[in-house]
Amino acid sequence: QVQLVESGGGLVQAGGSLRLSCAASGRIFSINIMGWYRQAPGNERELVASISRGGISNYADSVKGRFTISRDNANTVYLQMNSLKPEDTAVYYCHVDSVWPRNDYWGQGTQVTVSS
């Protein structure tokens, strides 16, 4: 089975940093896009950042210049979060778009809390 394991969430003061990681394992043979979404209480889930197999990245306007997404050759995606703000507080979800098999997958989510 396919599994996405997320780590790196936690509690940090405003202005601090966290680094999230997500490792995909199982029957995923070719991954196209990997990304991070987040959802705060009462809000819809929103795209934070994504990165393609070719290394092309996209960011939400709210995190541009503060967050950096990256990936390695072992089906792992990272999200470096700097200059964190209280409004960044949310559950962050890893997402994987698979070419073969053709499918997509979600992680279980990791809590990020930024105190003021």
Protein backbone atom coordinates (compact mmCIF):
# COMPACT_ATOMS: atom_id res chain seq x y z
CA GLN A 1 0.00 0.00 0.00
CA VAL A 2 0.99 3.65 -0.43
CA GLN A 3 1.99 5.59 2.65
CA LEU A 4 2.93 9.24 3.18
CA VAL A 5 4.73 9.88 6.45
CA GLU A 6 4.91 13.50 7.60
CA SER A 7 7.08 14.96 10.32
CA GLY A 8 8.51 18.25 11.57
CA GLY A 9 5.42 20.01 12.89
CA GLY A 10 5.26 21.57 16.30
CA LEU A 11 4.99 24.74 18.33
CA VAL A 12 7.15 27.75 17.52
CA GLN A 13 7.15 31.45 18.36
CA ALA A 14 6.44 34.07 15.72
CA GLY A 15 9.53 34.71 13.65
CA GLY A 16 10.84 31.20 14.16
CA SER A 17 11.35 28.37 11.71
CA LEU A 18 10.22 24.81 11.13
CA ARG A 19 11.09 22.21 8.50
CA LEU A 20 8.44 19.72 7.42
CA SER A 21 9.21 16.49 5.62
CA CYS A 22 7.07 13.93 3.83
CA ALA A 23 8.32 10.54 2.68
CA ALA A 24 6.29 8.54 0.17
CA SER A 25 6.62 4.77 0.15
CA GLY A 26 4.84 1.75 -1.27
CA ARG A 27 3.65 1.09 -4.80
CA ILE A 28 4.50 4.52 -6.23
CA PHE A 29 6.82 4.09 -9.19
CA SER A 30 6.83 7.58 -10.70
CA ILE A 31 5.85 10.81 -8.95
CA ASN A 32 5.03 13.98 -10.85
CA ILE A 33 4.07 16.72 -8.40
CA MET A 34 4.52 16.81 -4.64
CA GLY A 35 3.09 19.55 -2.50
CA TRP A 36 1.95 20.88 0.83
CA TYR A 37 -1.53 22.05 1.74
CA ARG A 38 -2.80 23.49 4.99
CA GLN A 39 -6.14 23.85 6.72
CA ALA A 40 -6.96 26.10 9.66
CA PRO A 41 -10.09 25.59 11.78
CA GLY A 42 -13.17 26.81 9.93
CA ASN A 43 -11.28 27.27 6.66
CA GLU A 44 -10.98 25.24 3.48
CA ARG A 45 -7.80 23.39 2.68
CA GLU A 46 -5.46 25.55 0.61
CA LEU A 47 -2.34 24.95 -1.44
CA VAL A 48 0.82 26.23 0.24
CA ALA A 49 3.53 25.09 -2.17
CA SER A 50 4.18 22.46 -4.81
CA ILE A 51 7.15 21.17 -6.78
CA SER A 52 7.24 19.18 -10.00
CA ARG A 53 9.48 16.28 -10.97
CA GLY A 54 11.55 18.79 -12.94
CA GLY A 55 12.02 21.01 -9.90
CA ILE A 56 9.55 23.76 -10.82
CA SER A 57 7.99 25.19 -7.68
CA ASN A 58 4.89 27.27 -6.96
CA TYR A 59 3.89 29.11 -3.80
CA ALA A 60 0.83 30.71 -2.34
CA ASP A 61 1.14 34.49 -2.18
CA SER A 62 0.85 34.39 1.60
CA VAL A 63 4.06 32.35 1.99
CA LYS A 64 6.11 33.63 -0.95
CA GLY A 65 9.56 34.66 0.22
CA ARG A 66 9.23 32.87 3.56
CA PHE A 67 8.70 29.20 2.65
CA THR A 68 10.84 27.00 0.41
CA ILE A 69 9.78 23.65 -1.00
CA SER A 70 12.30 21.04 -2.14
CA ARG A 71 12.52 17.33 -2.93
CA ASP A 72 15.18 14.65 -3.10
CA ASN A 73 15.60 11.48 -5.17
CA ALA A 74 13.97 9.24 -2.58
CA ASN A 75 10.37 10.43 -3.01
CA THR A 76 10.67 12.87 -0.13
CA VAL A 77 9.42 16.45 -0.14
CA TYR A 78 10.39 19.17 2.33
CA LEU A 79 8.94 22.51 3.34
CA GLN A 80 11.30 24.97 5.01
CA MET A 81 9.20 27.56 6.83
CA ASN A 82 10.94 30.74 7.97
CA SER A 83 9.64 33.95 9.55
CA LEU A 84 6.56 32.13 10.75
CA LYS A 85 3.46 34.13 11.62
CA PRO A 86 0.48 33.24 13.82
CA GLU A 87 -1.67 33.10 10.69
CA ASP A 88 0.46 30.18 9.49
CA THR A 89 -1.07 28.06 12.25
CA ALA A 90 -2.83 25.10 10.64
CA VAL A 91 -2.67 21.40 9.96
CA TYR A 92 -0.26 20.85 7.08
CA TYR A 93 -0.92 17.99 4.65
CA CYS A 94 1.48 16.38 2.22
CA HIS A 95 0.09 15.57 -1.23
CA VAL A 96 1.56 13.38 -3.97
CA ASP A 97 0.51 13.20 -7.61
CA SER A 98 1.59 9.86 -9.08
CA VAL A 99 2.17 9.24 -12.80
CA TRP A 100 2.36 5.47 -12.41
CA PRO A 101 0.10 4.30 -11.09
CA ARG A 102 -2.14 7.20 -12.07
CA ASN A 103 -3.41 8.41 -8.69
CA ASP A 104 -2.95 10.92 -5.90
CA TYR A 105 -2.42 10.52 -2.18
CA TRP A 106 -2.70 12.51 1.04
CA GLY A 107 -0.74 12.40 4.26
CA GLN A 108 -2.42 12.32 7.64
CA GLY A 109 -1.45 15.91 8.45
CA THR A 110 0.92 17.49 10.95
CA GLN A 111 0.05 20.36 13.27
CA VAL A 112 1.96 23.64 13.04
CA THR A 113 1.24 26.19 15.76
CA VAL A 114 2.81 29.66 15.77
CA SER A 115 2.43 31.71 18.94
CA SER A 116 2.55 35.50 19.08
